[in-house]
Amino acid sequence: QVQLVESGGGLVQAGGSLRLSCAASGSIDSINVMGWYRQVAGMPREMVAAATNGGSISYVHSVEGRFTVSMDNGNKTGYLQMNSLKDEDTAIYYCAAWTTLLSFIQRQVTYWGQGTQVTVSS
């Protein structure tokens, strides 16, 4: 089993920056992909970005050029650097981890964090 704990959320003005972190514990060697989802009340959870241990990166179009996802493959800590934040980035952000590339391709998340609130004010 793996436990994921997010940190770094908060309130920021539009145009500002935040950095989210996701610390993994437990059977961390099983993790091959780490990423971030976000969810607004009443809407489905949306994958924002993900990084594989092989260095592949993917982003949802709306955050390309503004967000940077990374993963420390040694201690399996995930990061999401968010710059030029917009009102529409306001959401609960969830850390996600996958143990296989196939499960990632199928978007079948293996482990979830508890979520951290990001609020962007204009």
N, C-alpha and C. Protein backbone atom coordinates (compact mmCIF):
# COMPACT_ATOMS: atom_id res chain seq x y z
N GLN A 1 0.83 -1.20 0.00
CA GLN A 1 0.00 0.00 0.00
C GLN A 1 0.86 1.25 0.00
N VAL A 2 0.31 2.29 -0.57
CA VAL A 2 0.99 3.59 -0.65
C VAL A 2 0.06 4.66 -0.10
N GLN A 3 0.62 5.56 0.65
CA GLN A 3 -0.11 6.73 1.12
C GLN A 3 0.47 7.98 0.45
N LEU A 4 -0.40 8.86 0.01
CA LEU A 4 0.00 10.10 -0.65
C LEU A 4 -0.52 11.28 0.17
N VAL A 5 0.36 12.22 0.45
CA VAL A 5 -0.04 13.39 1.23
C VAL A 5 0.37 14.65 0.47
N GLU A 6 -0.63 15.47 0.11
CA GLU A 6 -0.36 16.71 -0.60
C GLU A 6 -0.10 17.86 0.37
N SER A 7 0.61 18.85 -0.11
CA SER A 7 0.81 20.10 0.62
C SER A 7 1.04 21.21 -0.38
N GLY A 8 0.89 22.43 0.08
CA GLY A 8 1.20 23.59 -0.76
C GLY A 8 0.02 24.34 -1.32
N GLY A 9 -1.19 23.85 -1.08
CA GLY A 9 -2.35 24.57 -1.57
C GLY A 9 -2.58 25.84 -0.77
N GLY A 10 -3.53 26.66 -1.24
CA GLY A 10 -3.84 27.89 -0.52
C GLY A 10 -4.54 28.89 -1.40
N LEU A 11 -4.54 30.13 -0.93
CA LEU A 11 -5.18 31.23 -1.63
C LEU A 11 -4.11 32.09 -2.29
N VAL A 12 -4.33 32.41 -3.56
CA VAL A 12 -3.36 33.21 -4.30
C VAL A 12 -4.11 34.13 -5.25
N GLN A 13 -3.54 35.28 -5.53
CA GLN A 13 -4.17 36.19 -6.49
C GLN A 13 -3.91 35.72 -7.91
N ALA A 14 -4.81 36.10 -8.79
CA ALA A 14 -4.64 35.76 -10.20
C ALA A 14 -3.30 36.29 -10.69
N GLY A 15 -2.62 35.45 -11.45
CA GLY A 15 -1.28 35.79 -11.94
C GLY A 15 -0.17 35.30 -11.04
N GLY A 16 -0.52 34.85 -9.85
CA GLY A 16 0.46 34.37 -8.89
C GLY A 16 0.85 32.92 -9.13
N SER A 17 1.63 32.40 -8.19
CA SER A 17 2.17 31.04 -8.31
C SER A 17 1.97 30.26 -7.03
N LEU A 18 1.86 28.96 -7.18
CA LEU A 18 1.86 28.02 -6.06
C LEU A 18 2.62 26.78 -6.48
N ARG A 19 3.18 26.11 -5.50
CA ARG A 19 3.84 24.83 -5.77
C ARG A 19 3.24 23.77 -4.87
N LEU A 20 2.66 22.77 -5.49
CA LEU A 20 2.10 21.64 -4.75
C LEU A 20 3.13 20.53 -4.65
N SER A 21 3.14 19.86 -3.51
CA SER A 21 4.00 18.70 -3.31
C SER A 21 3.16 17.51 -2.91
N CYS A 22 3.65 16.33 -3.25
CA CYS A 22 2.96 15.09 -2.91
C CYS A 22 4.00 14.10 -2.40
N ALA A 23 3.93 13.82 -1.11
CA ALA A 23 4.89 12.89 -0.50
C ALA A 23 4.28 11.50 -0.43
N ALA A 24 5.00 10.53 -0.95
CA ALA A 24 4.54 9.15 -0.93
C ALA A 24 5.23 8.38 0.19
N SER A 25 4.50 7.48 0.81
CA SER A 25 5.07 6.60 1.82
C SER A 25 4.48 5.21 1.66
N GLY A 26 5.15 4.24 2.25
CA GLY A 26 4.71 2.86 2.11
C GLY A 26 5.52 2.16 1.03
N SER A 27 4.84 1.43 0.17
CA SER A 27 5.52 0.65 -0.88
C SER A 27 5.80 1.54 -2.09
N ILE A 28 6.65 2.55 -1.90
CA ILE A 28 6.84 3.57 -2.94
C ILE A 28 7.55 3.03 -4.18
N ASP A 29 8.28 1.94 -4.06
CA ASP A 29 8.97 1.39 -5.23
C ASP A 29 7.99 0.90 -6.28
N SER A 30 6.74 0.72 -5.91
CA SER A 30 5.74 0.24 -6.86
C SER A 30 5.23 1.36 -7.78
N ILE A 31 5.57 2.61 -7.44
CA ILE A 31 5.05 3.75 -8.20
C ILE A 31 5.86 3.98 -9.47
N ASN A 32 5.20 4.07 -10.61
CA ASN A 32 5.86 4.36 -11.87
C ASN A 32 5.45 5.69 -12.49
N VAL A 33 4.28 6.17 -12.10
CA VAL A 33 3.77 7.43 -12.63
C VAL A 33 3.14 8.21 -11.48
N MET A 34 3.39 9.51 -11.45
CA MET A 34 2.73 10.38 -10.48
C MET A 34 2.13 11.56 -11.22
N GLY A 35 1.00 12.02 -10.73
CA GLY A 35 0.36 13.13 -11.41
C GLY A 35 -0.63 13.85 -10.52
N TRP A 36 -1.37 14.75 -11.15
CA TRP A 36 -2.30 15.60 -10.44
C TRP A 36 -3.63 15.68 -11.17
N TYR A 37 -4.69 15.57 -10.42
CA TYR A 37 -6.03 15.82 -10.90
C TYR A 37 -6.59 17.03 -10.15
N ARG A 38 -7.63 17.60 -10.70
CA ARG A 38 -8.34 18.64 -9.98
C ARG A 38 -9.84 18.46 -10.18
N GLN A 39 -10.58 19.00 -9.20
CA GLN A 39 -12.03 18.85 -9.26
C GLN A 39 -12.71 20.08 -8.71
N VAL A 40 -13.66 20.56 -9.46
CA VAL A 40 -14.55 21.63 -9.04
C VAL A 40 -15.87 21.01 -8.65
N ALA A 41 -16.50 21.53 -7.63
CA ALA A 41 -17.77 20.97 -7.14
C ALA A 41 -18.77 20.80 -8.28
N GLY A 42 -19.33 19.60 -8.37
CA GLY A 42 -20.34 19.33 -9.38
C GLY A 42 -19.77 18.92 -10.73
N MET A 43 -18.45 18.90 -10.83
CA MET A 43 -17.81 18.54 -12.10
C MET A 43 -16.99 17.27 -11.91
N PRO A 44 -16.74 16.53 -13.00
CA PRO A 44 -15.90 15.35 -12.87
C PRO A 44 -14.44 15.75 -12.59
N ARG A 45 -13.72 14.81 -12.00
CA ARG A 45 -12.31 15.05 -11.72
C ARG A 45 -11.55 15.05 -13.04
N GLU A 46 -10.64 16.01 -13.21
CA GLU A 46 -9.90 16.20 -14.46
C GLU A 46 -8.42 15.99 -14.22
N MET A 47 -7.76 15.21 -15.10
CA MET A 47 -6.32 15.05 -14.98
C MET A 47 -5.65 16.31 -15.51
N VAL A 48 -4.74 16.86 -14.70
CA VAL A 48 -4.06 18.10 -15.05
C VAL A 48 -2.71 17.83 -15.68
N ALA A 49 -1.92 16.96 -15.04
CA ALA A 49 -0.57 16.69 -15.51
C ALA A 49 -0.07 15.41 -14.88
N ALA A 50 0.91 14.78 -15.53
CA ALA A 50 1.49 13.57 -14.99
C ALA A 50 2.91 13.40 -15.51
N ALA A 51 3.72 12.71 -14.71
CA ALA A 51 5.11 12.44 -15.09
C ALA A 51 5.41 10.98 -14.81
N THR A 52 6.07 10.32 -15.77
CA THR A 52 6.46 8.93 -15.57
C THR A 52 7.89 8.87 -15.05
N ASN A 53 8.27 7.72 -14.52
CA ASN A 53 9.65 7.58 -14.04
C ASN A 53 10.64 7.51 -15.18
N GLY A 54 10.13 7.37 -16.40
CA GLY A 54 11.00 7.41 -17.58
C GLY A 54 11.18 8.80 -18.14
N GLY A 55 10.52 9.79 -17.51
CA GLY A 55 10.70 11.17 -17.93
C GLY A 55 9.64 11.70 -18.86
N SER A 56 8.64 10.91 -19.19
CA SER A 56 7.56 11.40 -20.06
C SER A 56 6.61 12.27 -19.25
N ILE A 57 6.14 13.33 -19.91
CA ILE A 57 5.30 14.33 -19.26
C ILE A 57 4.03 14.52 -20.09
N SER A 58 2.92 14.74 -19.43
CA SER A 58 1.70 15.08 -20.16
C SER A 58 0.93 16.14 -19.38
N TYR A 59 0.25 17.01 -20.12
CA TYR A 59 -0.53 18.10 -19.53
C TYR A 59 -1.88 18.21 -20.22
N VAL A 60 -2.86 18.65 -19.48
CA VAL A 60 -4.11 19.04 -20.12
C VAL A 60 -3.85 20.37 -20.82
N HIS A 61 -4.49 20.60 -21.93
CA HIS A 61 -4.19 21.76 -22.77
C HIS A 61 -4.29 23.08 -22.01
N SER A 62 -5.24 23.16 -21.11
CA SER A 62 -5.51 24.44 -20.44
C SER A 62 -4.39 24.91 -19.52
N VAL A 63 -3.45 24.01 -19.18
CA VAL A 63 -2.37 24.42 -18.28
C VAL A 63 -1.00 24.41 -18.96
N GLU A 64 -0.95 24.00 -20.20
CA GLU A 64 0.34 23.96 -20.90
C GLU A 64 0.97 25.34 -20.94
N GLY A 65 2.27 25.37 -20.63
CA GLY A 65 2.99 26.64 -20.61
C GLY A 65 2.91 27.36 -19.28
N ARG A 66 2.02 26.93 -18.41
CA ARG A 66 1.87 27.58 -17.09
C ARG A 66 2.23 26.65 -15.93
N PHE A 67 1.93 25.39 -16.07
CA PHE A 67 2.19 24.41 -15.02
C PHE A 67 3.36 23.52 -15.42
N THR A 68 4.12 23.09 -14.41
CA THR A 68 5.21 22.16 -14.64
C THR A 68 5.10 21.02 -13.64
N VAL A 69 5.03 19.81 -14.14
CA VAL A 69 4.92 18.64 -13.29
C VAL A 69 6.27 17.94 -13.25
N SER A 70 6.61 17.39 -12.10
CA SER A 70 7.85 16.64 -11.98
C SER A 70 7.71 15.59 -10.90
N MET A 71 8.63 14.64 -10.93
CA MET A 71 8.63 13.57 -9.94
C MET A 71 10.07 13.26 -9.56
N ASP A 72 10.34 13.29 -8.26
CA ASP A 72 11.62 12.82 -7.76
C ASP A 72 11.54 11.31 -7.71
N ASN A 73 12.23 10.66 -8.63
CA ASN A 73 12.09 9.21 -8.74
C ASN A 73 12.77 8.47 -7.59
N GLY A 74 13.62 9.14 -6.86
CA GLY A 74 14.30 8.49 -5.74
C GLY A 74 13.38 8.28 -4.56
N ASN A 75 12.73 9.36 -4.13
CA ASN A 75 11.85 9.24 -2.97
C ASN A 75 10.38 9.32 -3.35
N LYS A 76 10.10 9.31 -4.65
CA LYS A 76 8.72 9.31 -5.15
C LYS A 76 7.94 10.47 -4.54
N THR A 77 8.48 11.65 -4.70
CA THR A 77 7.77 12.88 -4.36
C THR A 77 7.37 13.57 -5.65
N GLY A 78 6.11 13.93 -5.72
CA GLY A 78 5.61 14.61 -6.91
C GLY A 78 5.44 16.10 -6.66
N TYR A 79 5.60 16.88 -7.73
CA TYR A 79 5.48 18.32 -7.62
C TYR A 79 4.62 18.86 -8.76
N LEU A 80 3.94 19.95 -8.48
CA LEU A 80 3.23 20.67 -9.52
C LEU A 80 3.48 22.16 -9.29
N GLN A 81 4.31 22.74 -10.14
CA GLN A 81 4.58 24.17 -10.09
C GLN A 81 3.53 24.86 -10.95
N MET A 82 2.76 25.75 -10.34
CA MET A 82 1.67 26.42 -11.05
C MET A 82 1.96 27.91 -11.11
N ASN A 83 2.16 28.41 -12.31
CA ASN A 83 2.43 29.82 -12.53
C ASN A 83 1.28 30.46 -13.31
N SER A 84 1.24 31.78 -13.29
CA SER A 84 0.21 32.53 -14.03
C SER A 84 -1.17 31.97 -13.76
N LEU A 85 -1.48 31.79 -12.49
CA LEU A 85 -2.74 31.17 -12.11
C LEU A 85 -3.93 32.03 -12.50
N LYS A 86 -5.00 31.35 -12.90
CA LYS A 86 -6.23 32.00 -13.33
C LYS A 86 -7.38 31.58 -12.41
N ASP A 87 -8.46 32.37 -12.46
CA ASP A 87 -9.63 32.03 -11.66
C ASP A 87 -10.07 30.59 -11.91
N GLU A 88 -10.03 30.18 -13.17
CA GLU A 88 -10.53 28.86 -13.52
C GLU A 88 -9.64 27.72 -13.03
N ASP A 89 -8.50 28.05 -12.43
CA ASP A 89 -7.66 27.01 -11.84
C ASP A 89 -8.11 26.67 -10.41
N THR A 90 -9.06 27.43 -9.88
CA THR A 90 -9.57 27.16 -8.55
C THR A 90 -10.22 25.79 -8.51
N ALA A 91 -9.77 24.94 -7.58
CA ALA A 91 -10.27 23.57 -7.49
C ALA A 91 -9.59 22.88 -6.31
N ILE A 92 -10.06 21.69 -6.01
CA ILE A 92 -9.31 20.81 -5.12
C ILE A 92 -8.37 20.00 -5.99
N TYR A 93 -7.10 20.01 -5.64
CA TYR A 93 -6.09 19.29 -6.41
C TYR A 93 -5.72 18.01 -5.67
N TYR A 94 -5.76 16.92 -6.42
CA TYR A 94 -5.48 15.60 -5.87
C TYR A 94 -4.21 15.03 -6.48
N CYS A 95 -3.35 14.52 -5.64
CA CYS A 95 -2.19 13.76 -6.12
C CYS A 95 -2.67 12.36 -6.50
N ALA A 96 -2.10 11.82 -7.58
CA ALA A 96 -2.45 10.48 -8.05
C ALA A 96 -1.18 9.72 -8.37
N ALA A 97 -1.22 8.42 -8.18
CA ALA A 97 -0.08 7.57 -8.51
C ALA A 97 -0.57 6.30 -9.18
N TRP A 98 0.25 5.83 -10.13
CA TRP A 98 -0.05 4.60 -10.84
C TRP A 98 1.14 3.65 -10.69
N THR A 99 0.84 2.38 -10.61
CA THR A 99 1.92 1.41 -10.48
C THR A 99 2.36 0.84 -11.82
N THR A 100 1.53 0.97 -12.85
CA THR A 100 1.92 0.48 -14.17
C THR A 100 1.58 1.53 -15.24
N LEU A 101 2.32 1.50 -16.34
CA LEU A 101 2.01 2.41 -17.44
C LEU A 101 0.65 2.10 -18.04
N LEU A 102 0.29 0.82 -18.08
CA LEU A 102 -1.00 0.45 -18.64
C LEU A 102 -2.13 1.09 -17.83
N SER A 103 -2.03 1.03 -16.52
CA SER A 103 -3.08 1.64 -15.71
C SER A 103 -3.12 3.15 -15.90
N PHE A 104 -1.96 3.76 -16.14
CA PHE A 104 -1.93 5.19 -16.41
C PHE A 104 -2.61 5.49 -17.75
N ILE A 105 -2.25 4.72 -18.78
CA ILE A 105 -2.86 4.93 -20.10
C ILE A 105 -4.38 4.77 -20.01
N GLN A 106 -4.82 3.86 -19.18
CA GLN A 106 -6.25 3.62 -19.01
C GLN A 106 -6.87 4.57 -17.99
N ARG A 107 -6.05 5.44 -17.41
CA ARG A 107 -6.50 6.42 -16.42
C ARG A 107 -7.14 5.73 -15.22
N GLN A 108 -6.60 4.58 -14.86
CA GLN A 108 -7.07 3.88 -13.68
C GLN A 108 -6.09 4.15 -12.55
N VAL A 109 -6.38 5.17 -11.77
CA VAL A 109 -5.49 5.59 -10.70
C VAL A 109 -5.40 4.51 -9.63
N THR A 110 -4.16 4.22 -9.23
CA THR A 110 -3.96 3.20 -8.21
C THR A 110 -4.11 3.78 -6.80
N TYR A 111 -3.52 4.96 -6.59
CA TYR A 111 -3.57 5.59 -5.28
C TYR A 111 -3.93 7.07 -5.42
N TRP A 112 -4.73 7.55 -4.46
CA TRP A 112 -5.13 8.95 -4.41
C TRP A 112 -4.65 9.60 -3.12
N GLY A 113 -4.31 10.88 -3.21
CA GLY A 113 -4.13 11.67 -2.01
C GLY A 113 -5.48 12.21 -1.53
N GLN A 114 -5.45 12.94 -0.43
CA GLN A 114 -6.69 13.42 0.16
C GLN A 114 -7.16 14.73 -0.44
N GLY A 115 -6.30 15.40 -1.18
CA GLY A 115 -6.68 16.64 -1.85
C GLY A 115 -6.23 17.87 -1.09
N THR A 116 -5.94 18.93 -1.84
CA THR A 116 -5.59 20.21 -1.25
C THR A 116 -6.27 21.31 -2.05
N GLN A 117 -6.83 22.29 -1.34
CA GLN A 117 -7.60 23.34 -2.00
C GLN A 117 -6.68 24.41 -2.57
N VAL A 118 -6.93 24.77 -3.81
CA VAL A 118 -6.26 25.91 -4.44
C VAL A 118 -7.35 26.90 -4.83
N THR A 119 -7.23 28.11 -4.33
CA THR A 119 -8.20 29.16 -4.64
C THR A 119 -7.48 30.35 -5.25
N VAL A 120 -7.91 30.74 -6.45
CA VAL A 120 -7.31 31.87 -7.15
C VAL A 120 -8.33 33.00 -7.14
N SER A 121 -7.93 34.14 -6.60
CA SER A 121 -8.84 35.28 -6.53
C SER A 121 -8.43 36.34 -7.54
N SER A 122 -9.44 36.97 -8.11
CA SER A 122 -9.15 38.01 -9.11
C SER A 122 -9.27 39.39 -8.50
